Amino acid sequence: MNIPDFIKDFPAIDVPFPDSIVTTSAIRSDDGLMVIFEFHQDFSLPEHHHKTQWGTVLAGQLELTIAGKATTYLPGQSYTIPTGVPHAVKVTAGTKALDIFEEPDRYGLRK
């Protein structure tokens, strides 16, 4: 799946990973934050928690471990991570995912 250039031009989020690993395009409102993640390398994020997150895989695959249960998600499959539930992720290079966070300030924006 190709992400249109106008979406790639949305602000990136401020994450502690270089663009060589993941690029992002985000829209923030007063009520939430929507981010498209494009992973250029295999990537793992250790267990953490925050407010509710919903996402769907656009291309590739990712493995989410939510409350100790690991599930692999493929294109078109969606997931919900409830508020406060510990989760970790493993993503393969080439994966694209759309995530929506309940917290509008989950990540800062950069341009």
N, C-alpha and C. Protein backbone atom coordinates (compact mmCIF):
# COMPACT_ATOMS: atom_id res chain seq x y z
N MET A 1 0.85 -1.18 0.00
CA MET A 1 0.00 0.00 0.00
C MET A 1 0.89 1.23 0.00
N ASN A 2 0.64 2.11 -0.94
CA ASN A 2 1.37 3.37 -0.99
C ASN A 2 0.63 4.44 -0.20
N ILE A 3 1.37 5.18 0.59
CA ILE A 3 0.81 6.31 1.33
C ILE A 3 0.96 7.54 0.43
N PRO A 4 -0.12 8.27 0.15
CA PRO A 4 -0.03 9.45 -0.71
C PRO A 4 0.92 10.51 -0.14
N ASP A 5 1.56 11.25 -1.04
CA ASP A 5 2.53 12.27 -0.63
C ASP A 5 1.91 13.32 0.30
N PHE A 6 0.64 13.69 0.06
CA PHE A 6 0.06 14.73 0.92
C PHE A 6 -0.04 14.25 2.37
N ILE A 7 -0.21 12.94 2.57
CA ILE A 7 -0.24 12.40 3.93
C ILE A 7 1.17 12.32 4.50
N LYS A 8 2.13 11.93 3.66
CA LYS A 8 3.53 11.89 4.12
C LYS A 8 4.02 13.28 4.52
N ASP A 9 3.37 14.32 4.01
CA ASP A 9 3.74 15.70 4.35
C ASP A 9 3.15 16.17 5.68
N PHE A 10 2.27 15.37 6.30
CA PHE A 10 1.76 15.72 7.63
C PHE A 10 2.94 15.73 8.60
N PRO A 11 2.83 16.42 9.72
CA PRO A 11 3.94 16.44 10.69
C PRO A 11 4.28 15.04 11.19
N ALA A 12 5.55 14.83 11.47
CA ALA A 12 6.00 13.59 12.09
C ALA A 12 5.82 13.72 13.60
N ILE A 13 5.81 12.57 14.28
CA ILE A 13 5.79 12.61 15.74
C ILE A 13 7.22 12.56 16.25
N ASP A 14 7.40 13.07 17.44
CA ASP A 14 8.71 13.13 18.06
C ASP A 14 8.95 11.84 18.84
N VAL A 15 9.66 10.89 18.20
CA VAL A 15 10.00 9.63 18.84
C VAL A 15 11.52 9.50 18.89
N PRO A 16 12.04 8.73 19.83
CA PRO A 16 13.50 8.61 19.96
C PRO A 16 14.12 7.57 19.03
N PHE A 17 13.62 7.50 17.80
CA PHE A 17 14.13 6.56 16.81
C PHE A 17 14.38 7.32 15.52
N PRO A 18 15.45 7.01 14.81
CA PRO A 18 15.74 7.74 13.57
C PRO A 18 14.77 7.38 12.45
N ASP A 19 14.65 8.29 11.49
CA ASP A 19 13.79 8.05 10.33
C ASP A 19 14.24 6.84 9.51
N SER A 20 15.46 6.40 9.69
CA SER A 20 15.92 5.20 8.99
C SER A 20 15.21 3.94 9.51
N ILE A 21 14.67 4.03 10.72
CA ILE A 21 13.92 2.91 11.30
C ILE A 21 12.43 3.06 11.04
N VAL A 22 11.89 4.24 11.32
CA VAL A 22 10.45 4.46 11.17
C VAL A 22 10.19 5.91 10.80
N THR A 23 9.30 6.11 9.83
CA THR A 23 8.81 7.45 9.53
C THR A 23 7.34 7.51 9.91
N THR A 24 6.90 8.71 10.27
CA THR A 24 5.54 8.87 10.76
C THR A 24 4.88 10.08 10.12
N SER A 25 3.57 10.02 10.05
CA SER A 25 2.74 11.13 9.57
C SER A 25 1.56 11.21 10.51
N ALA A 26 1.31 12.40 11.08
CA ALA A 26 0.32 12.48 12.16
C ALA A 26 -0.66 13.63 11.97
N ILE A 27 -1.82 13.42 12.53
CA ILE A 27 -2.85 14.46 12.67
C ILE A 27 -3.29 14.44 14.12
N ARG A 28 -3.32 15.61 14.74
CA ARG A 28 -3.73 15.70 16.14
C ARG A 28 -4.97 16.59 16.24
N SER A 29 -5.89 16.17 17.09
CA SER A 29 -7.04 17.00 17.44
C SER A 29 -7.04 17.17 18.95
N ASP A 30 -8.01 17.89 19.46
CA ASP A 30 -8.14 18.03 20.91
C ASP A 30 -8.49 16.70 21.57
N ASP A 31 -9.01 15.76 20.79
CA ASP A 31 -9.51 14.50 21.34
C ASP A 31 -8.61 13.29 21.11
N GLY A 32 -7.62 13.39 20.25
CA GLY A 32 -6.79 12.23 19.98
C GLY A 32 -5.68 12.53 18.99
N LEU A 33 -4.91 11.50 18.71
CA LEU A 33 -3.76 11.60 17.82
C LEU A 33 -3.80 10.41 16.86
N MET A 34 -3.76 10.68 15.55
CA MET A 34 -3.74 9.62 14.54
C MET A 34 -2.37 9.64 13.89
N VAL A 35 -1.73 8.46 13.81
CA VAL A 35 -0.38 8.36 13.26
C VAL A 35 -0.30 7.21 12.28
N ILE A 36 0.29 7.46 11.12
CA ILE A 36 0.66 6.39 10.20
C ILE A 36 2.14 6.13 10.41
N PHE A 37 2.47 4.89 10.73
CA PHE A 37 3.85 4.45 10.94
C PHE A 37 4.30 3.66 9.71
N GLU A 38 5.49 3.99 9.19
CA GLU A 38 6.10 3.21 8.11
C GLU A 38 7.45 2.71 8.61
N PHE A 39 7.57 1.40 8.80
CA PHE A 39 8.78 0.81 9.36
C PHE A 39 9.72 0.38 8.25
N HIS A 40 10.94 0.87 8.30
CA HIS A 40 11.95 0.59 7.28
C HIS A 40 12.91 -0.50 7.72
N GLN A 41 12.89 -0.85 8.99
CA GLN A 41 13.71 -1.92 9.56
C GLN A 41 12.86 -2.69 10.56
N ASP A 42 13.27 -3.93 10.84
CA ASP A 42 12.62 -4.66 11.93
C ASP A 42 12.76 -3.82 13.19
N PHE A 43 11.74 -3.89 14.04
CA PHE A 43 11.70 -2.99 15.20
C PHE A 43 10.96 -3.65 16.34
N SER A 44 11.43 -3.43 17.55
CA SER A 44 10.74 -3.92 18.76
C SER A 44 10.62 -2.78 19.75
N LEU A 45 9.49 -2.72 20.41
CA LEU A 45 9.26 -1.75 21.47
C LEU A 45 8.94 -2.53 22.73
N PRO A 46 9.67 -2.32 23.82
CA PRO A 46 9.43 -3.10 25.03
C PRO A 46 8.08 -2.79 25.67
N GLU A 47 7.72 -3.61 26.61
CA GLU A 47 6.44 -3.46 27.29
C GLU A 47 6.30 -2.06 27.90
N HIS A 48 5.12 -1.48 27.70
CA HIS A 48 4.80 -0.16 28.23
C HIS A 48 3.28 -0.07 28.31
N HIS A 49 2.77 1.05 28.77
CA HIS A 49 1.30 1.24 28.82
C HIS A 49 0.99 2.73 28.73
N HIS A 50 -0.23 3.01 28.33
CA HIS A 50 -0.74 4.38 28.21
C HIS A 50 -2.25 4.28 28.05
N LYS A 51 -2.89 5.36 27.67
CA LYS A 51 -4.34 5.32 27.46
C LYS A 51 -4.66 4.50 26.21
N THR A 52 -5.94 4.37 25.91
CA THR A 52 -6.41 3.50 24.83
C THR A 52 -5.76 3.82 23.48
N GLN A 53 -5.46 2.75 22.76
CA GLN A 53 -4.89 2.83 21.41
C GLN A 53 -5.65 1.85 20.52
N TRP A 54 -6.03 2.30 19.34
CA TRP A 54 -6.63 1.43 18.33
C TRP A 54 -5.77 1.52 17.09
N GLY A 55 -5.60 0.40 16.41
CA GLY A 55 -4.79 0.44 15.19
C GLY A 55 -5.20 -0.62 14.21
N THR A 56 -4.69 -0.47 13.00
CA THR A 56 -4.90 -1.45 11.95
C THR A 56 -3.64 -1.54 11.09
N VAL A 57 -3.34 -2.72 10.63
CA VAL A 57 -2.18 -2.94 9.79
C VAL A 57 -2.57 -2.64 8.34
N LEU A 58 -1.80 -1.78 7.70
CA LEU A 58 -2.04 -1.43 6.30
C LEU A 58 -1.23 -2.30 5.35
N ALA A 59 -0.02 -2.69 5.77
CA ALA A 59 0.86 -3.55 4.98
C ALA A 59 1.83 -4.22 5.95
N GLY A 60 2.35 -5.39 5.57
CA GLY A 60 3.31 -6.09 6.42
C GLY A 60 2.64 -6.82 7.55
N GLN A 61 3.35 -6.89 8.68
CA GLN A 61 2.78 -7.56 9.85
C GLN A 61 3.44 -7.05 11.12
N LEU A 62 2.70 -7.17 12.20
CA LEU A 62 3.26 -6.85 13.51
C LEU A 62 2.73 -7.84 14.52
N GLU A 63 3.53 -8.04 15.54
CA GLU A 63 3.13 -8.91 16.64
C GLU A 63 2.97 -8.06 17.88
N LEU A 64 1.77 -8.05 18.42
CA LEU A 64 1.49 -7.33 19.66
C LEU A 64 1.34 -8.33 20.79
N THR A 65 2.00 -8.05 21.88
CA THR A 65 1.78 -8.82 23.10
C THR A 65 1.01 -7.90 24.04
N ILE A 66 -0.25 -8.24 24.25
CA ILE A 66 -1.15 -7.43 25.07
C ILE A 66 -1.52 -8.25 26.29
N ALA A 67 -1.19 -7.73 27.47
CA ALA A 67 -1.48 -8.42 28.74
C ALA A 67 -0.94 -9.85 28.71
N GLY A 68 0.27 -10.02 28.13
CA GLY A 68 0.93 -11.32 28.11
C GLY A 68 0.54 -12.24 26.97
N LYS A 69 -0.43 -11.86 26.13
CA LYS A 69 -0.87 -12.71 25.01
C LYS A 69 -0.36 -12.14 23.70
N ALA A 70 0.46 -12.91 22.97
CA ALA A 70 1.02 -12.48 21.69
C ALA A 70 0.10 -12.86 20.54
N THR A 71 -0.16 -11.89 19.65
CA THR A 71 -0.98 -12.10 18.46
C THR A 71 -0.31 -11.41 17.28
N THR A 72 -0.27 -12.08 16.13
CA THR A 72 0.27 -11.49 14.92
C THR A 72 -0.88 -10.91 14.11
N TYR A 73 -0.72 -9.66 13.66
CA TYR A 73 -1.74 -8.97 12.88
C TYR A 73 -1.21 -8.74 11.47
N LEU A 74 -2.07 -8.98 10.49
CA LEU A 74 -1.76 -8.86 9.08
C LEU A 74 -2.59 -7.73 8.47
N PRO A 75 -2.32 -7.35 7.22
CA PRO A 75 -3.07 -6.25 6.61
C PRO A 75 -4.59 -6.43 6.73
N GLY A 76 -5.23 -5.34 7.15
CA GLY A 76 -6.68 -5.34 7.32
C GLY A 76 -7.13 -5.75 8.70
N GLN A 77 -6.23 -6.26 9.52
CA GLN A 77 -6.61 -6.65 10.87
C GLN A 77 -6.36 -5.49 11.84
N SER A 78 -7.27 -5.37 12.79
CA SER A 78 -7.23 -4.27 13.75
C SER A 78 -7.05 -4.79 15.17
N TYR A 79 -6.61 -3.90 16.03
CA TYR A 79 -6.38 -4.23 17.43
C TYR A 79 -6.76 -3.05 18.30
N THR A 80 -7.13 -3.34 19.52
CA THR A 80 -7.41 -2.33 20.52
C THR A 80 -6.61 -2.66 21.77
N ILE A 81 -5.93 -1.66 22.30
CA ILE A 81 -5.18 -1.82 23.54
C ILE A 81 -5.85 -0.91 24.57
N PRO A 82 -6.52 -1.50 25.55
CA PRO A 82 -7.23 -0.69 26.54
C PRO A 82 -6.29 0.14 27.42
N THR A 83 -6.82 1.18 27.99
CA THR A 83 -6.08 2.05 28.89
C THR A 83 -5.39 1.24 29.99
N GLY A 84 -4.10 1.51 30.17
CA GLY A 84 -3.35 0.94 31.27
C GLY A 84 -2.87 -0.49 31.08
N VAL A 85 -3.24 -1.15 29.98
CA VAL A 85 -2.85 -2.55 29.79
C VAL A 85 -1.43 -2.62 29.23
N PRO A 86 -0.55 -3.38 29.87
CA PRO A 86 0.83 -3.51 29.37
C PRO A 86 0.85 -4.19 28.00
N HIS A 87 1.70 -3.67 27.12
CA HIS A 87 1.82 -4.25 25.77
C HIS A 87 3.21 -3.97 25.21
N ALA A 88 3.61 -4.82 24.27
CA ALA A 88 4.88 -4.68 23.57
C ALA A 88 4.61 -5.00 22.11
N VAL A 89 5.52 -4.57 21.22
CA VAL A 89 5.31 -4.80 19.80
C VAL A 89 6.60 -5.21 19.12
N LYS A 90 6.48 -6.11 18.14
CA LYS A 90 7.56 -6.46 17.23
C LYS A 90 7.03 -6.25 15.82
N VAL A 91 7.77 -5.48 15.02
CA VAL A 91 7.31 -5.11 13.69
C VAL A 91 8.37 -5.53 12.67
N THR A 92 7.93 -6.05 11.53
CA THR A 92 8.87 -6.40 10.47
C THR A 92 9.04 -5.22 9.51
N ALA A 93 10.22 -5.13 8.93
CA ALA A 93 10.50 -4.07 7.95
C ALA A 93 9.45 -4.11 6.84
N GLY A 94 9.03 -2.93 6.39
CA GLY A 94 8.01 -2.83 5.35
C GLY A 94 6.60 -2.70 5.88
N THR A 95 6.44 -2.84 7.18
CA THR A 95 5.10 -2.74 7.77
C THR A 95 4.65 -1.28 7.82
N LYS A 96 3.37 -1.08 7.52
CA LYS A 96 2.73 0.23 7.65
C LYS A 96 1.49 0.01 8.51
N ALA A 97 1.32 0.88 9.49
CA ALA A 97 0.19 0.75 10.40
C ALA A 97 -0.40 2.11 10.70
N LEU A 98 -1.68 2.14 10.91
CA LEU A 98 -2.41 3.34 11.32
C LEU A 98 -2.81 3.14 12.76
N ASP A 99 -2.39 4.05 13.63
CA ASP A 99 -2.74 3.97 15.04
C ASP A 99 -3.40 5.26 15.49
N ILE A 100 -4.42 5.11 16.31
CA ILE A 100 -5.11 6.26 16.88
C ILE A 100 -5.02 6.15 18.40
N PHE A 101 -4.51 7.20 19.00
CA PHE A 101 -4.30 7.24 20.44
C PHE A 101 -5.34 8.15 21.09
N GLU A 102 -5.88 7.70 22.21
CA GLU A 102 -6.84 8.50 22.97
C GLU A 102 -6.21 9.80 23.46
N GLU A 103 -4.91 9.77 23.71
CA GLU A 103 -4.20 10.94 24.24
C GLU A 103 -3.73 11.83 23.08
N PRO A 104 -4.24 13.03 22.96
CA PRO A 104 -3.78 13.90 21.88
C PRO A 104 -2.30 14.28 22.00
N ASP A 105 -1.78 14.20 23.22
CA ASP A 105 -0.38 14.57 23.43
C ASP A 105 0.50 13.35 23.72
N ARG A 106 0.08 12.18 23.25
CA ARG A 106 0.87 10.96 23.45
C ARG A 106 2.30 11.17 22.92
N TYR A 107 2.40 11.79 21.76
CA TYR A 107 3.69 12.16 21.18
C TYR A 107 3.60 13.61 20.72
N GLY A 108 4.70 14.32 20.85
CA GLY A 108 4.76 15.66 20.30
C GLY A 108 4.90 15.60 18.78
N LEU A 109 4.55 16.69 18.12
CA LEU A 109 4.70 16.76 16.67
C LEU A 109 5.98 17.50 16.31
N ARG A 110 6.59 17.08 15.23
CA ARG A 110 7.74 17.81 14.68
C ARG A 110 7.51 17.97 13.18
N LYS A 111 8.13 18.93 12.60
CA LYS A 111 7.95 19.14 11.16
C LYS A 111 9.29 19.31 10.49
